[in-house]
PDB file of N, CA and C in Angstrom:
ATOM      1  N   UNK A   1     -20.868  29.493   5.034  1.00  0.00           N
ATOM      2  CA  UNK A   1     -21.097  28.831   3.701  1.00  0.00           C
ATOM      3  C   UNK A   1     -21.428  27.527   4.186  1.00  0.00           C
ATOM      4  N   UNK A   2     -22.889  26.892   3.706  1.00  0.00           N
ATOM      5  CA  UNK A   2     -23.453  25.669   3.945  1.00  0.00           C
ATOM      6  C   UNK A   2     -22.474  24.728   3.339  1.00  0.00           C
ATOM      7  N   UNK A   3     -22.386  23.673   3.970  1.00  0.00           N
ATOM      8  CA  UNK A   3     -21.689  22.367   3.584  1.00  0.00           C
ATOM      9  C   UNK A   3     -22.153  22.045   2.233  1.00  0.00           C
ATOM     10  N   UNK A   4     -23.642  21.891   2.088  1.00  0.00           N
ATOM     11  CA  UNK A   4     -24.179  21.224   0.849  1.00  0.00           C
ATOM     12  C   UNK A   4     -24.113  22.338  -0.382  1.00  0.00           C
ATOM     13  N   UNK A   5     -23.449  23.399  -0.120  1.00  0.00           N
ATOM     14  CA  UNK A   5     -22.959  24.223  -1.523  1.00  0.00           C
ATOM     15  C   UNK A   5     -21.636  23.895  -1.733  1.00  0.00           C
ATOM     16  N   UNK A   6     -20.643  23.142  -0.883  1.00  0.00           N
ATOM     17  CA  UNK A   6     -19.348  22.963  -1.086  1.00  0.00           C
ATOM     18  C   UNK A   6     -19.180  21.248  -1.605  1.00  0.00           C
ATOM     19  N   UNK A   7     -20.148  20.472  -1.091  1.00  0.00           N
ATOM     20  CA  UNK A   7     -20.012  19.053  -1.394  1.00  0.00           C
ATOM     21  C   UNK A   7     -21.058  18.537  -2.172  1.00  0.00           C
ATOM     22  N   UNK A   8     -20.959  17.777  -3.111  1.00  0.00           N
ATOM     23  CA  UNK A   8     -22.009  17.157  -3.952  1.00  0.00           C
ATOM     24  C   UNK A   8     -22.126  15.613  -3.480  1.00  0.00           C
ATOM     25  N   UNK A   9     -23.121  15.305  -3.009  1.00  0.00           N
ATOM     26  CA  UNK A   9     -23.219  13.823  -2.657  1.00  0.00           C
ATOM     27  C   UNK A   9     -23.810  13.020  -3.901  1.00  0.00           C
ATOM     28  N   UNK A  10     -23.075  11.988  -4.129  1.00  0.00           N
ATOM     29  CA  UNK A  10     -23.663  10.965  -5.056  1.00  0.00           C
ATOM     30  C   UNK A  10     -23.994   9.690  -4.503  1.00  0.00           C
ATOM     31  N   UNK A  11     -25.435   9.618  -4.673  1.00  0.00           N
ATOM     32  CA  UNK A  11     -26.051   8.597  -3.804  1.00  0.00           C
ATOM     33  C   UNK A  11     -26.447   7.690  -5.028  1.00  0.00           C
ATOM     34  N   UNK A  12     -25.404   6.526  -5.214  1.00  0.00           N
ATOM     35  CA  UNK A  12     -25.824   5.501  -6.277  1.00  0.00           C
ATOM     36  C   UNK A  12     -25.300   4.084  -5.812  1.00  0.00           C
ATOM     37  N   UNK A  13     -26.203   3.198  -6.241  1.00  0.00           N
ATOM     38  CA  UNK A  13     -26.100   1.693  -5.993  1.00  0.00           C
ATOM     39  C   UNK A  13     -24.665   1.327  -6.618  1.00  0.00           C
ATOM     40  N   UNK A  14     -24.065   0.554  -5.683  1.00  0.00           N
ATOM     41  CA  UNK A  14     -22.780   0.063  -6.340  1.00  0.00           C
ATOM     42  C   UNK A  14     -23.067  -1.369  -7.262  1.00  0.00           C
ATOM     43  N   UNK A  15     -22.461  -1.390  -8.387  1.00  0.00           N
ATOM     44  CA  UNK A  15     -22.668  -2.475  -9.162  1.00  0.00           C
ATOM     45  C   UNK A  15     -21.504  -3.105  -9.400  1.00  0.00           C
ATOM     46  N   UNK A  16     -21.091  -4.176  -8.645  1.00  0.00           N
ATOM     47  CA  UNK A  16     -19.854  -4.717  -8.601  1.00  0.00           C
ATOM     48  C   UNK A  16     -19.760  -5.611  -9.999  1.00  0.00           C
ATOM     49  N   UNK A  17     -20.524  -5.735 -10.912  1.00  0.00           N
ATOM     50  CA  UNK A  17     -20.331  -6.778 -11.836  1.00  0.00           C
ATOM     51  C   UNK A  17     -19.737  -5.740 -12.862  1.00  0.00           C
ATOM     52  N   UNK A  18     -19.426  -4.556 -12.700  1.00  0.00           N
ATOM     53  CA  UNK A  18     -18.902  -3.439 -13.450  1.00  0.00           C
ATOM     54  C   UNK A  18     -17.766  -3.381 -12.970  1.00  0.00           C
ATOM     55  N   UNK A  19     -16.523  -3.525 -14.004  1.00  0.00           N
ATOM     56  CA  UNK A  19     -15.134  -3.729 -13.426  1.00  0.00           C
ATOM     57  C   UNK A  19     -14.633  -2.282 -13.163  1.00  0.00           C
ATOM     58  N   UNK A  20     -15.204  -1.234 -13.799  1.00  0.00           N
ATOM     59  CA  UNK A  20     -14.654   0.011 -13.831  1.00  0.00           C
ATOM     60  C   UNK A  20     -15.389   0.912 -12.826  1.00  0.00           C
ATOM     61  N   UNK A  21     -16.340   0.309 -11.992  1.00  0.00           N
ATOM     62  CA  UNK A  21     -16.885   1.019 -11.008  1.00  0.00           C
ATOM     63  C   UNK A  21     -15.804   1.708 -10.233  1.00  0.00           C
ATOM     64  N   UNK A  22     -16.415   2.978  -9.543  1.00  0.00           N
ATOM     65  CA  UNK A  22     -15.398   3.974  -9.071  1.00  0.00           C
ATOM     66  C   UNK A  22     -14.999   3.371  -7.645  1.00  0.00           C
ATOM     67  N   UNK A  23     -15.790   2.442  -6.916  1.00  0.00           N
ATOM     68  CA  UNK A  23     -15.409   1.806  -5.611  1.00  0.00           C
ATOM     69  C   UNK A  23     -15.018   0.338  -5.898  1.00  0.00           C
ATOM     70  N   UNK A  24     -15.087  -0.102  -7.106  1.00  0.00           N
ATOM     71  CA  UNK A  24     -14.484  -1.622  -7.207  1.00  0.00           C
ATOM     72  C   UNK A  24     -13.315  -1.816  -6.717  1.00  0.00           C
ATOM     73  N   UNK A  25     -12.138  -1.146  -7.249  1.00  0.00           N
ATOM     74  CA  UNK A  25     -11.056  -1.221  -7.127  1.00  0.00           C
ATOM     75  C   UNK A  25     -10.685  -0.925  -5.832  1.00  0.00           C
ATOM     76  N   UNK A  26     -11.208   0.315  -5.335  1.00  0.00           N
ATOM     77  CA  UNK A  26     -10.920   0.837  -3.971  1.00  0.00           C
ATOM     78  C   UNK A  26     -11.206  -0.381  -3.098  1.00  0.00           C
ATOM     79  N   UNK A  27     -12.271  -1.105  -3.095  1.00  0.00           N
ATOM     80  CA  UNK A  27     -12.799  -2.200  -2.042  1.00  0.00           C
ATOM     81  C   UNK A  27     -11.893  -3.317  -2.412  1.00  0.00           C
ATOM     82  N   UNK A  28     -11.212  -3.450  -3.664  1.00  0.00           N
ATOM     83  CA  UNK A  28     -10.510  -4.735  -3.623  1.00  0.00           C
ATOM     84  C   UNK A  28      -8.898  -4.328  -2.836  1.00  0.00           C
ATOM     85  N   UNK A  29      -8.531  -3.107  -3.397  1.00  0.00           N
ATOM     86  CA  UNK A  29      -7.401  -2.923  -2.737  1.00  0.00           C
ATOM     87  C   UNK A  29      -7.325  -2.887  -1.015  1.00  0.00           C
ATOM     88  N   UNK A  30      -8.480  -2.315  -0.572  1.00  0.00           N
ATOM     89  CA  UNK A  30      -8.595  -2.203   0.871  1.00  0.00           C
ATOM     90  C   UNK A  30      -8.817  -3.688   1.404  1.00  0.00           C
ATOM     91  N   UNK A  31      -9.458  -4.667   0.724  1.00  0.00           N
ATOM     92  CA  UNK A  31      -9.694  -6.104   1.214  1.00  0.00           C
ATOM     93  C   UNK A  31      -8.336  -6.596   1.056  1.00  0.00           C
ATOM     94  N   UNK A  32      -7.491  -6.605   0.221  1.00  0.00           N
ATOM     95  CA  UNK A  32      -6.178  -7.237   0.195  1.00  0.00           C
ATOM     96  C   UNK A  32      -5.422  -6.662   1.223  1.00  0.00           C
ATOM     97  N   UNK A  33      -5.380  -5.173   1.332  1.00  0.00           N
ATOM     98  CA  UNK A  33      -4.287  -4.850   2.420  1.00  0.00           C
ATOM     99  C   UNK A  33      -4.859  -5.402   3.921  1.00  0.00           C
ATOM    100  N   UNK A  34      -6.149  -5.170   4.164  1.00  0.00           N
ATOM    101  CA  UNK A  34      -6.474  -5.960   5.394  1.00  0.00           C
ATOM    102  C   UNK A  34      -6.095  -7.439   5.581  1.00  0.00           C
ATOM    103  N   UNK A  35      -6.437  -8.093   4.409  1.00  0.00           N
ATOM    104  CA  UNK A  35      -6.173  -9.571   4.480  1.00  0.00           C
ATOM    105  C   UNK A  35      -4.454  -9.910   4.686  1.00  0.00           C
ATOM    106  N   UNK A  36      -3.676  -9.099   4.159  1.00  0.00           N
ATOM    107  CA  UNK A  36      -2.284  -9.268   4.285  1.00  0.00           C
ATOM    108  C   UNK A  36      -1.941  -8.924   5.672  1.00  0.00           C
ATOM    109  N   UNK A  37      -2.487  -7.730   6.049  1.00  0.00           N
ATOM    110  CA  UNK A  37      -1.998  -7.213   7.423  1.00  0.00           C
ATOM    111  C   UNK A  37      -2.344  -8.332   8.420  1.00  0.00           C
ATOM    112  N   UNK A  38      -3.825  -9.032   8.382  1.00  0.00           N
ATOM    113  CA  UNK A  38      -4.261  -9.671   9.414  1.00  0.00           C
ATOM    114  C   UNK A  38      -3.770 -11.318   9.221  1.00  0.00           C
ATOM    115  N   UNK A  39      -3.831 -11.574   7.997  1.00  0.00           N
ATOM    116  CA  UNK A  39      -3.287 -13.222   8.013  1.00  0.00           C
ATOM    117  C   UNK A  39      -1.980 -13.460   7.814  1.00  0.00           C
ATOM    118  N   UNK A  40      -0.904 -12.727   6.816  1.00  0.00           N
ATOM    119  CA  UNK A  40       0.047 -12.850   6.606  1.00  0.00           C
ATOM    120  C   UNK A  40       1.027 -12.314   7.654  1.00  0.00           C
ATOM    121  N   UNK A  41       0.963 -10.984   7.841  1.00  0.00           N
ATOM    122  CA  UNK A  41       2.001 -10.389   8.851  1.00  0.00           C
ATOM    123  C   UNK A  41       1.590 -10.388  10.472  1.00  0.00           C
ATOM    124  N   UNK A  42       0.244 -10.809  10.678  1.00  0.00           N
ATOM    125  CA  UNK A  42      -0.062 -10.869  12.274  1.00  0.00           C
ATOM    126  C   UNK A  42       0.231  -9.486  12.784  1.00  0.00           C
ATOM    127  N   UNK A  43       0.202  -8.458  11.869  1.00  0.00           N
ATOM    128  CA  UNK A  43       0.516  -7.164  12.622  1.00  0.00           C
ATOM    129  C   UNK A  43       1.899  -6.770  12.120  1.00  0.00           C
ATOM    130  N   UNK A  44       2.119  -5.632  12.042  1.00  0.00           N
ATOM    131  CA  UNK A  44       3.218  -5.038  11.803  1.00  0.00           C
ATOM    132  C   UNK A  44       3.710  -3.910  12.776  1.00  0.00           C
ATOM    133  N   UNK A  45       5.015  -3.715  13.089  1.00  0.00           N
ATOM    134  CA  UNK A  45       5.370  -2.895  14.169  1.00  0.00           C
ATOM    135  C   UNK A  45       5.394  -1.560  13.437  1.00  0.00           C
ATOM    136  N   UNK A  46       5.274  -0.626  14.244  1.00  0.00           N
ATOM    137  CA  UNK A  46       5.246   1.000  13.624  1.00  0.00           C
ATOM    138  C   UNK A  46       6.396   1.285  12.964  1.00  0.00           C
ATOM    139  N   UNK A  47       7.700   0.665  13.544  1.00  0.00           N
ATOM    140  CA  UNK A  47       8.860   1.022  12.848  1.00  0.00           C
ATOM    141  C   UNK A  47       9.173   0.487  11.373  1.00  0.00           C
ATOM    142  N   UNK A  48       8.160  -0.747  11.259  1.00  0.00           N
ATOM    143  CA  UNK A  48       8.450  -1.412  10.063  1.00  0.00           C
ATOM    144  C   UNK A  48       7.194  -1.024   8.889  1.00  0.00           C
ATOM    145  N   UNK A  49       6.336  -0.244   9.490  1.00  0.00           N
ATOM    146  CA  UNK A  49       5.098   0.072   8.735  1.00  0.00           C
ATOM    147  C   UNK A  49       5.336   0.719   7.441  1.00  0.00           C
ATOM    148  N   UNK A  50       6.590   1.521   7.068  1.00  0.00           N
ATOM    149  CA  UNK A  50       6.932   1.930   5.848  1.00  0.00           C
ATOM    150  C   UNK A  50       7.469   0.999   5.007  1.00  0.00           C
ATOM    151  N   UNK A  51       7.858   0.099   5.320  1.00  0.00           N
ATOM    152  CA  UNK A  51       8.422  -1.161   4.339  1.00  0.00           C
ATOM    153  C   UNK A  51       7.083  -1.976   3.932  1.00  0.00           C
ATOM    154  N   UNK A  52       6.210  -2.145   5.097  1.00  0.00           N
ATOM    155  CA  UNK A  52       4.892  -2.903   4.734  1.00  0.00           C
ATOM    156  C   UNK A  52       4.241  -2.221   3.728  1.00  0.00           C
ATOM    157  N   UNK A  53       4.052  -0.788   3.728  1.00  0.00           N
ATOM    158  CA  UNK A  53       3.239   0.158   3.091  1.00  0.00           C
ATOM    159  C   UNK A  53       3.859  -0.010   1.530  1.00  0.00           C
ATOM    160  N   UNK A  54       5.202  -0.059   1.366  1.00  0.00           N
ATOM    161  CA  UNK A  54       5.891   0.024  -0.017  1.00  0.00           C
ATOM    162  C   UNK A  54       5.620  -1.131  -0.409  1.00  0.00           C
ATOM    163  N   UNK A  55       5.952  -2.372  -0.040  1.00  0.00           N
ATOM    164  CA  UNK A  55       5.527  -3.556  -0.433  1.00  0.00           C
ATOM    165  C   UNK A  55       3.993  -4.152  -1.126  1.00  0.00           C
ATOM    166  N   UNK A  56       3.178  -3.025  -0.155  1.00  0.00           N
ATOM    167  CA  UNK A  56       1.583  -3.215  -0.771  1.00  0.00           C
ATOM    168  C   UNK A  56       1.534  -2.537  -1.891  1.00  0.00           C
ATOM    169  N   UNK A  57       2.013  -1.647  -2.003  1.00  0.00           N
ATOM    170  CA  UNK A  57       2.324  -0.619  -3.234  1.00  0.00           C
ATOM    171  C   UNK A  57       2.776  -1.318  -4.306  1.00  0.00           C
ATOM    172  N   UNK A  58       3.941  -1.983  -4.061  1.00  0.00           N
ATOM    173  CA  UNK A  58       4.721  -2.840  -5.258  1.00  0.00           C
ATOM    174  C   UNK A  58       3.591  -4.001  -5.660  1.00  0.00           C
ATOM    175  N   UNK A  59       3.161  -4.565  -4.684  1.00  0.00           N
ATOM    176  CA  UNK A  59       2.310  -5.807  -5.060  1.00  0.00           C
ATOM    177  C   UNK A  59       1.202  -5.483  -6.140  1.00  0.00           C
ATOM    178  N   UNK A  60       0.650  -4.214  -5.497  1.00  0.00           N
ATOM    179  CA  UNK A  60      -0.725  -3.719  -6.248  1.00  0.00           C
ATOM    180  C   UNK A  60      -0.203  -3.161  -7.766  1.00  0.00           C
ATOM    181  N   UNK A  61       1.081  -2.540  -7.851  1.00  0.00           N
ATOM    182  CA  UNK A  61       1.202  -2.036  -9.015  1.00  0.00           C
ATOM    183  C   UNK A  61       1.786  -3.295 -10.108  1.00  0.00           C
ATOM    184  N   UNK A  62       2.107  -4.378  -9.448  1.00  0.00           N
ATOM    185  CA  UNK A  62       2.853  -5.530 -10.278  1.00  0.00           C
ATOM    186  C   UNK A  62       1.616  -6.774 -10.407  1.00  0.00           C
ATOM    187  N   UNK A  63       0.764  -6.456  -9.986  1.00  0.00           N
ATOM    188  CA  UNK A  63      -0.243  -7.757  -9.942  1.00  0.00           C
ATOM    189  C   UNK A  63      -0.483  -8.368 -11.048  1.00  0.00           C
ATOM    190  N   UNK A  64      -0.471  -7.608 -12.396  1.00  0.00           N
ATOM    191  CA  UNK A  64      -0.858  -8.404 -13.630  1.00  0.00           C
ATOM    192  C   UNK A  64       0.650  -8.707 -14.229  1.00  0.00           C
ATOM    193  N   UNK A  65       1.847  -8.767 -13.780  1.00  0.00           N
ATOM    194  CA  UNK A  65       3.054  -9.091 -14.396  1.00  0.00           C
ATOM    195  C   UNK A  65       3.187 -10.430 -14.977  1.00  0.00           C
ATOM    196  N   UNK A  66       2.627 -11.365 -14.027  1.00  0.00           N
ATOM    197  CA  UNK A  66       2.623 -12.908 -14.424  1.00  0.00           C
ATOM    198  C   UNK A  66       3.987 -13.299 -14.640  1.00  0.00           C
ATOM    199  N   UNK A  67       4.404 -14.103 -15.531  1.00  0.00           N
ATOM    200  CA  UNK A  67       5.550 -14.808 -16.013  1.00  0.00           C
ATOM    201  C   UNK A  67       6.511 -14.137 -16.053  1.00  0.00           C
ATOM    202  N   UNK A  68       6.643 -12.732 -16.346  1.00  0.00           N
ATOM    203  CA  UNK A  68       7.553 -11.870 -16.585  1.00  0.00           C
ATOM    204  C   UNK A  68       8.020 -11.337 -15.327  1.00  0.00           C
ATOM    205  N   UNK A  69       7.663 -11.713 -14.192  1.00  0.00           N
ATOM    206  CA  UNK A  69       8.246 -10.907 -12.863  1.00  0.00           C
ATOM    207  C   UNK A  69       9.482 -11.012 -12.816  1.00  0.00           C
ATOM    208  N   UNK A  70      10.126 -12.010 -12.971  1.00  0.00           N
ATOM    209  CA  UNK A  70      11.746 -12.189 -12.584  1.00  0.00           C
ATOM    210  C   UNK A  70      12.496 -11.450 -13.513  1.00  0.00           C
ATOM    211  N   UNK A  71      11.899 -11.058 -14.789  1.00  0.00           N
ATOM    212  CA  UNK A  71      12.597  -9.964 -15.653  1.00  0.00           C
ATOM    213  C   UNK A  71      12.459  -8.561 -14.843  1.00  0.00           C
ATOM    214  N   UNK A  72      11.499  -8.285 -14.437  1.00  0.00           N
ATOM    215  CA  UNK A  72      11.263  -7.099 -13.668  1.00  0.00           C
ATOM    216  C   UNK A  72      12.077  -6.976 -12.336  1.00  0.00           C
ATOM    217  N   UNK A  73      12.093  -8.096 -11.615  1.00  0.00           N
ATOM    218  CA  UNK A  73      12.949  -8.096 -10.589  1.00  0.00           C
ATOM    219  C   UNK A  73      14.295  -7.919 -10.959  1.00  0.00           C
ATOM    220  N   UNK A  74      14.968  -8.502 -11.859  1.00  0.00           N
ATOM    221  CA  UNK A  74      16.168  -8.413 -12.259  1.00  0.00           C
ATOM    222  C   UNK A  74      16.569  -6.903 -12.754  1.00  0.00           C
ATOM    223  N   UNK A  75      15.632  -6.382 -13.321  1.00  0.00           N
ATOM    224  CA  UNK A  75      15.781  -4.845 -13.861  1.00  0.00           C
ATOM    225  C   UNK A  75      15.851  -4.054 -12.511  1.00  0.00           C
ATOM    226  N   UNK A  76      15.166  -4.499 -11.569  1.00  0.00           N
ATOM    227  CA  UNK A  76      15.025  -3.334 -10.271  1.00  0.00           C
ATOM    228  C   UNK A  76      16.535  -3.927  -9.472  1.00  0.00           C
ATOM    229  N   UNK A  77      16.798  -5.035  -9.517  1.00  0.00           N
ATOM    230  CA  UNK A  77      17.878  -5.191  -8.857  1.00  0.00           C
ATOM    231  C   UNK A  77      19.141  -4.419  -9.337  1.00  0.00           C
ATOM    232  N   UNK A  78      19.386  -4.473 -10.857  1.00  0.00           N
ATOM    233  CA  UNK A  78      20.449  -4.100 -11.544  1.00  0.00           C
ATOM    234  C   UNK A  78      20.599  -2.425 -11.278  1.00  0.00           C
ATOM    235  N   UNK A  79      19.474  -1.888 -10.918  1.00  0.00           N
ATOM    236  CA  UNK A  79      19.209  -0.519 -11.021  1.00  0.00           C
ATOM    237  C   UNK A  79      19.716  -0.319  -9.545  1.00  0.00           C
ATOM    238  N   UNK A  80      19.530  -0.923  -8.543  1.00  0.00           N
ATOM    239  CA  UNK A  80      19.432  -0.894  -7.214  1.00  0.00           C
ATOM    240  C   UNK A  80      21.162  -0.511  -6.638  1.00  0.00           C
ATOM    241  N   UNK A  81      21.425   0.027  -5.468  1.00  0.00           N
ATOM    242  CA  UNK A  81      22.629  -0.048  -4.769  1.00  0.00           C
ATOM    243  C   UNK A  81      22.544  -0.917  -3.367  1.00  0.00           C
ATOM    244  N   UNK A  82      23.783  -1.077  -3.118  1.00  0.00           N
ATOM    245  CA  UNK A  82      23.875  -2.014  -2.051  1.00  0.00           C
ATOM    246  C   UNK A  82      23.721  -1.204  -0.464  1.00  0.00           C
ATOM    247  N   UNK A  83      22.871  -1.404   0.168  1.00  0.00           N
ATOM    248  CA  UNK A  83      22.600  -0.833   1.463  1.00  0.00           C
ATOM    249  C   UNK A  83      22.710  -1.790   2.604  1.00  0.00           C
ATOM    250  N   UNK A  84      23.063  -1.483   3.535  1.00  0.00           N
ATOM    251  CA  UNK A  84      23.532  -2.231   4.805  1.00  0.00           C
ATOM    252  C   UNK A  84      22.187  -2.388   5.882  1.00  0.00           C
ATOM    253  N   UNK A  85      22.474  -3.384   6.690  1.00  0.00           N
ATOM    254  CA  UNK A  85      21.317  -3.417   7.823  1.00  0.00           C
ATOM    255  C   UNK A  85      21.426  -2.073   8.455  1.00  0.00           C
ATOM    256  N   UNK A  86      22.698  -1.680   8.898  1.00  0.00           N
ATOM    257  CA  UNK A  86      22.653  -0.564   9.759  1.00  0.00           C
ATOM    258  C   UNK A  86      21.894   0.597   9.073  1.00  0.00           C
ATOM    259  N   UNK A  87      22.259   0.742   7.982  1.00  0.00           N
ATOM    260  CA  UNK A  87      21.485   2.136   7.397  1.00  0.00           C
ATOM    261  C   UNK A  87      20.023   1.926   7.345  1.00  0.00           C
ATOM    262  N   UNK A  88      19.502   0.568   6.945  1.00  0.00           N
ATOM    263  CA  UNK A  88      17.858   0.470   6.959  1.00  0.00           C
ATOM    264  C   UNK A  88      17.366   0.863   8.482  1.00  0.00           C
ATOM    265  N   UNK A  89      18.403   0.207   9.638  1.00  0.00           N
ATOM    266  CA  UNK A  89      17.680   0.594  10.990  1.00  0.00           C
ATOM    267  C   UNK A  89      17.870   2.012  11.333  1.00  0.00           C
ATOM    268  N   UNK A  90      18.803   2.674  10.851  1.00  0.00           N
ATOM    269  CA  UNK A  90      19.040   4.140  11.009  1.00  0.00           C
ATOM    270  C   UNK A  90      17.937   4.996  10.385  1.00  0.00           C
ATOM    271  N   UNK A  91      17.591   4.504   9.345  1.00  0.00           N
ATOM    272  CA  UNK A  91      16.406   5.106   8.327  1.00  0.00           C
ATOM    273  C   UNK A  91      15.269   5.101   8.989  1.00  0.00           C
ATOM    274  N   UNK A  92      15.025   3.818   9.665  1.00  0.00           N
ATOM    275  CA  UNK A  92      13.598   3.323  10.169  1.00  0.00           C
ATOM    276  C   UNK A  92      13.617   4.012  11.434  1.00  0.00           C
ATOM    277  N   UNK A  93      14.692   4.080  12.379  1.00  0.00           N
ATOM    278  CA  UNK A  93      14.530   5.108  13.373  1.00  0.00           C
ATOM    279  C   UNK A  93      14.201   6.518  13.380  1.00  0.00           C
ATOM    280  N   UNK A  94      15.050   6.969  12.146  1.00  0.00           N
ATOM    281  CA  UNK A  94      14.567   8.435  11.934  1.00  0.00           C
ATOM    282  C   UNK A  94      13.211   8.772  11.609  1.00  0.00           C
ATOM    283  N   UNK A  95      12.545   7.934  10.957  1.00  0.00           N
ATOM    284  CA  UNK A  95      11.232   8.031  10.546  1.00  0.00           C
ATOM    285  C   UNK A  95      10.037   7.453  11.422  1.00  0.00           C
ATOM    286  N   UNK A  96      10.537   6.910  12.868  1.00  0.00           N
ATOM    287  CA  UNK A  96       9.572   6.286  13.445  1.00  0.00           C
ATOM    288  C   UNK A  96       8.427   7.333  14.156  1.00  0.00           C
ATOM    289  N   UNK A  97       9.304   8.348  14.315  1.00  0.00           N
ATOM    290  CA  UNK A  97       8.438   9.519  14.914  1.00  0.00           C
ATOM    291  C   UNK A  97       7.190   9.774  14.220  1.00  0.00           C
ATOM    292  N   UNK A  98       7.027   9.929  12.868  1.00  0.00           N
ATOM    293  CA  UNK A  98       5.994   9.788  11.906  1.00  0.00           C
ATOM    294  C   UNK A  98       4.878   8.962  12.086  1.00  0.00           C
ATOM    295  N   UNK A  99       5.200   7.932  12.935  1.00  0.00           N
ATOM    296  CA  UNK A  99       4.322   6.813  13.103  1.00  0.00           C
ATOM    297  C   UNK A  99       3.671   6.309  14.219  1.00  0.00           C
ATOM    298  N   UNK A 100       4.366   7.266  15.248  1.00  0.00           N
ATOM    299  CA  UNK A 100       4.150   7.001  16.838  1.00  0.00           C
ATOM    300  C   UNK A 100       2.913   8.243  16.954  1.00  0.00           C
ATOM    301  N   UNK A 101       1.942   7.705  17.898  1.00  0.00           N
ATOM    302  CA  UNK A 101       0.659   8.249  18.140  1.00  0.00           C
ATOM    303  C   UNK A 101       0.971   8.616  19.389  1.00  0.00           C
ATOM    304  N   UNK A 102       0.883  10.206  19.967  1.00  0.00           N
ATOM    305  CA  UNK A 102       1.181  10.624  21.288  1.00  0.00           C
ATOM    306  C   UNK A 102      -0.087  10.924  22.002  1.00  0.00           C
ATOM    307  N   UNK A 103      -0.360  10.712  22.993  1.00  0.00           N
ATOM    308  CA  UNK A 103      -1.635  11.033  23.712  1.00  0.00           C
ATOM    309  C   UNK A 103      -1.128  12.499  24.640  1.00  0.00           C
TER     310      UNK A 103
END
């Protein structure tokens, strides 16, 4: 089967003045992620990558919280349980194989 039968190419000009354009938020998210990785974190180790990705997801999902951020944080803390540093390190070590590139 030919590829042109399976894939439909939409060749349109990107209008960034339209807030609902399909690539608008993807470009903003990718730019924020890249800036955070380069400027704030100066590179993240492979072991800590899952935490970094979770933090980026949290920041994206809560970007419009504004002055109610402390109420949300308090809610999350009240629903969470205590976890030790030893458990965090063990969990990261178990998942590090998923992020290592082998040649």
